[in-house]
N, C-alpha and C. Protein backbone atom coordinates (compact mmCIF):
# COMPACT_ATOMS: atom_id res chain seq x y z
N MET A 1 -2.82 9.58 19.70
CA MET A 1 -1.95 8.45 19.45
C MET A 1 -2.75 7.14 19.46
N GLU A 2 -3.72 7.07 20.33
CA GLU A 2 -4.53 5.86 20.44
C GLU A 2 -5.38 5.65 19.19
N ARG A 3 -5.84 6.74 18.59
CA ARG A 3 -6.65 6.63 17.38
C ARG A 3 -5.81 6.13 16.20
N ILE A 4 -4.57 6.58 16.14
CA ILE A 4 -3.68 6.14 15.06
C ILE A 4 -3.39 4.65 15.21
N SER A 5 -3.12 4.23 16.43
CA SER A 5 -2.87 2.82 16.69
C SER A 5 -4.09 1.97 16.34
N ALA A 6 -5.27 2.45 16.68
CA ALA A 6 -6.50 1.72 16.36
C ALA A 6 -6.72 1.65 14.85
N PHE A 7 -6.36 2.73 14.15
CA PHE A 7 -6.51 2.75 12.68
C PHE A 7 -5.64 1.68 12.03
N PHE A 8 -4.36 1.64 12.41
CA PHE A 8 -3.46 0.65 11.82
C PHE A 8 -3.82 -0.77 12.26
N SER A 9 -4.32 -0.90 13.46
CA SER A 9 -4.77 -2.20 13.93
C SER A 9 -5.95 -2.70 13.11
N SER A 10 -6.88 -1.82 12.78
CA SER A 10 -8.03 -2.23 11.97
C SER A 10 -7.60 -2.58 10.54
N ILE A 11 -6.62 -1.85 10.00
CA ILE A 11 -6.11 -2.19 8.67
C ILE A 11 -5.46 -3.58 8.70
N TRP A 12 -4.66 -3.84 9.73
CA TRP A 12 -4.00 -5.14 9.85
C TRP A 12 -5.02 -6.26 10.00
N ASP A 13 -6.07 -6.03 10.77
CA ASP A 13 -7.12 -7.04 10.93
C ASP A 13 -7.82 -7.31 9.60
N THR A 14 -8.05 -6.26 8.81
CA THR A 14 -8.67 -6.43 7.49
C THR A 14 -7.78 -7.26 6.58
N ILE A 15 -6.48 -6.97 6.60
CA ILE A 15 -5.54 -7.72 5.77
C ILE A 15 -5.53 -9.20 6.17
N LEU A 16 -5.49 -9.47 7.46
CA LEU A 16 -5.49 -10.86 7.91
C LEU A 16 -6.79 -11.58 7.54
N THR A 17 -7.91 -10.88 7.65
CA THR A 17 -9.20 -11.48 7.30
C THR A 17 -9.26 -11.82 5.82
N LYS A 18 -8.83 -10.88 4.98
CA LYS A 18 -8.85 -11.13 3.54
C LYS A 18 -7.89 -12.25 3.16
N HIS A 19 -6.74 -12.32 3.84
CA HIS A 19 -5.78 -13.38 3.55
C HIS A 19 -6.37 -14.74 3.89
N GLN A 20 -7.12 -14.82 4.96
CA GLN A 20 -7.73 -16.08 5.36
C GLN A 20 -8.85 -16.48 4.40
N GLU A 21 -9.45 -15.50 3.72
CA GLU A 21 -10.54 -15.81 2.78
C GLU A 21 -10.02 -16.41 1.48
N GLY A 22 -8.76 -16.19 1.15
CA GLY A 22 -8.23 -16.81 -0.04
C GLY A 22 -7.09 -16.04 -0.66
N ILE A 23 -6.37 -16.71 -1.58
CA ILE A 23 -5.19 -16.13 -2.21
C ILE A 23 -5.57 -15.00 -3.16
N TYR A 24 -6.73 -15.08 -3.78
CA TYR A 24 -7.16 -14.02 -4.71
C TYR A 24 -7.28 -12.69 -3.97
N ASN A 25 -7.87 -12.71 -2.78
CA ASN A 25 -8.01 -11.48 -2.00
C ASN A 25 -6.65 -10.95 -1.56
N THR A 26 -5.72 -11.84 -1.28
CA THR A 26 -4.38 -11.42 -0.89
C THR A 26 -3.68 -10.72 -2.05
N ILE A 27 -3.82 -11.27 -3.25
CA ILE A 27 -3.21 -10.66 -4.43
C ILE A 27 -3.83 -9.30 -4.70
N CYS A 28 -5.14 -9.20 -4.60
CA CYS A 28 -5.82 -7.91 -4.82
C CYS A 28 -5.37 -6.88 -3.80
N LEU A 29 -5.26 -7.28 -2.54
CA LEU A 29 -4.79 -6.36 -1.51
C LEU A 29 -3.36 -5.90 -1.79
N GLY A 30 -2.52 -6.82 -2.21
CA GLY A 30 -1.14 -6.46 -2.54
C GLY A 30 -1.06 -5.46 -3.67
N VAL A 31 -1.88 -5.67 -4.69
CA VAL A 31 -1.90 -4.73 -5.82
C VAL A 31 -2.41 -3.37 -5.37
N LEU A 32 -3.51 -3.35 -4.62
CA LEU A 32 -4.08 -2.08 -4.18
C LEU A 32 -3.16 -1.32 -3.24
N LEU A 33 -2.45 -2.03 -2.38
CA LEU A 33 -1.53 -1.36 -1.47
C LEU A 33 -0.23 -0.97 -2.17
N GLY A 34 0.11 -1.67 -3.25
CA GLY A 34 1.35 -1.37 -3.97
C GLY A 34 1.22 -0.25 -4.99
N LEU A 35 0.01 0.02 -5.46
CA LEU A 35 -0.17 1.06 -6.47
C LEU A 35 0.27 2.45 -6.00
N PRO A 36 -0.13 2.90 -4.82
CA PRO A 36 0.36 4.22 -4.40
C PRO A 36 1.88 4.29 -4.30
N LEU A 37 2.50 3.22 -3.84
CA LEU A 37 3.96 3.19 -3.76
C LEU A 37 4.58 3.27 -5.15
N LEU A 38 4.01 2.56 -6.10
CA LEU A 38 4.50 2.60 -7.47
C LEU A 38 4.37 4.00 -8.07
N VAL A 39 3.26 4.67 -7.80
CA VAL A 39 3.05 6.03 -8.30
C VAL A 39 4.08 6.98 -7.69
N ILE A 40 4.34 6.87 -6.41
CA ILE A 40 5.32 7.74 -5.75
C ILE A 40 6.72 7.51 -6.31
N ILE A 41 7.09 6.26 -6.50
CA ILE A 41 8.41 5.95 -7.06
C ILE A 41 8.53 6.49 -8.48
N THR A 42 7.48 6.34 -9.28
CA THR A 42 7.50 6.84 -10.65
C THR A 42 7.63 8.35 -10.68
N LEU A 43 6.86 9.04 -9.85
CA LEU A 43 6.95 10.51 -9.80
C LEU A 43 8.32 10.96 -9.33
N LEU A 44 8.89 10.28 -8.36
CA LEU A 44 10.22 10.61 -7.88
C LEU A 44 11.25 10.43 -8.99
N PHE A 45 11.16 9.34 -9.72
CA PHE A 45 12.08 9.08 -10.82
C PHE A 45 11.95 10.15 -11.90
N MET A 46 10.71 10.50 -12.26
CA MET A 46 10.49 11.52 -13.29
C MET A 46 11.02 12.88 -12.84
N CYS A 47 10.79 13.22 -11.59
CA CYS A 47 11.26 14.50 -11.07
C CYS A 47 12.79 14.57 -11.08
N CYS A 48 13.43 13.51 -10.61
CA CYS A 48 14.90 13.48 -10.59
C CYS A 48 15.46 13.50 -12.00
N HIS A 49 14.82 12.79 -12.91
CA HIS A 49 15.28 12.74 -14.29
C HIS A 49 15.19 14.13 -14.93
N CYS A 50 14.10 14.84 -14.68
CA CYS A 50 13.93 16.17 -15.25
C CYS A 50 14.87 17.18 -14.61
N CYS A 51 15.10 17.06 -13.32
CA CYS A 51 15.96 18.02 -12.62
C CYS A 51 17.43 17.85 -13.00
N TRP A 52 17.86 16.63 -13.26
CA TRP A 52 19.26 16.39 -13.56
C TRP A 52 19.58 16.51 -15.04
N SER A 53 18.57 16.70 -15.86
CA SER A 53 18.81 16.82 -17.31
C SER A 53 19.17 18.24 -17.68
């Protein structure tokens, strides 16, 4: 449990550091973190669309 907490803490520290470095880094982080979510939503939509057709 402690390792998981340390992992997320290090990710949060990286996000805060990049945000302090500038808006460009914040936008890049947002895009990189949003891409996997977008892929999952797209796959879910395609799966549901195919199953209900």
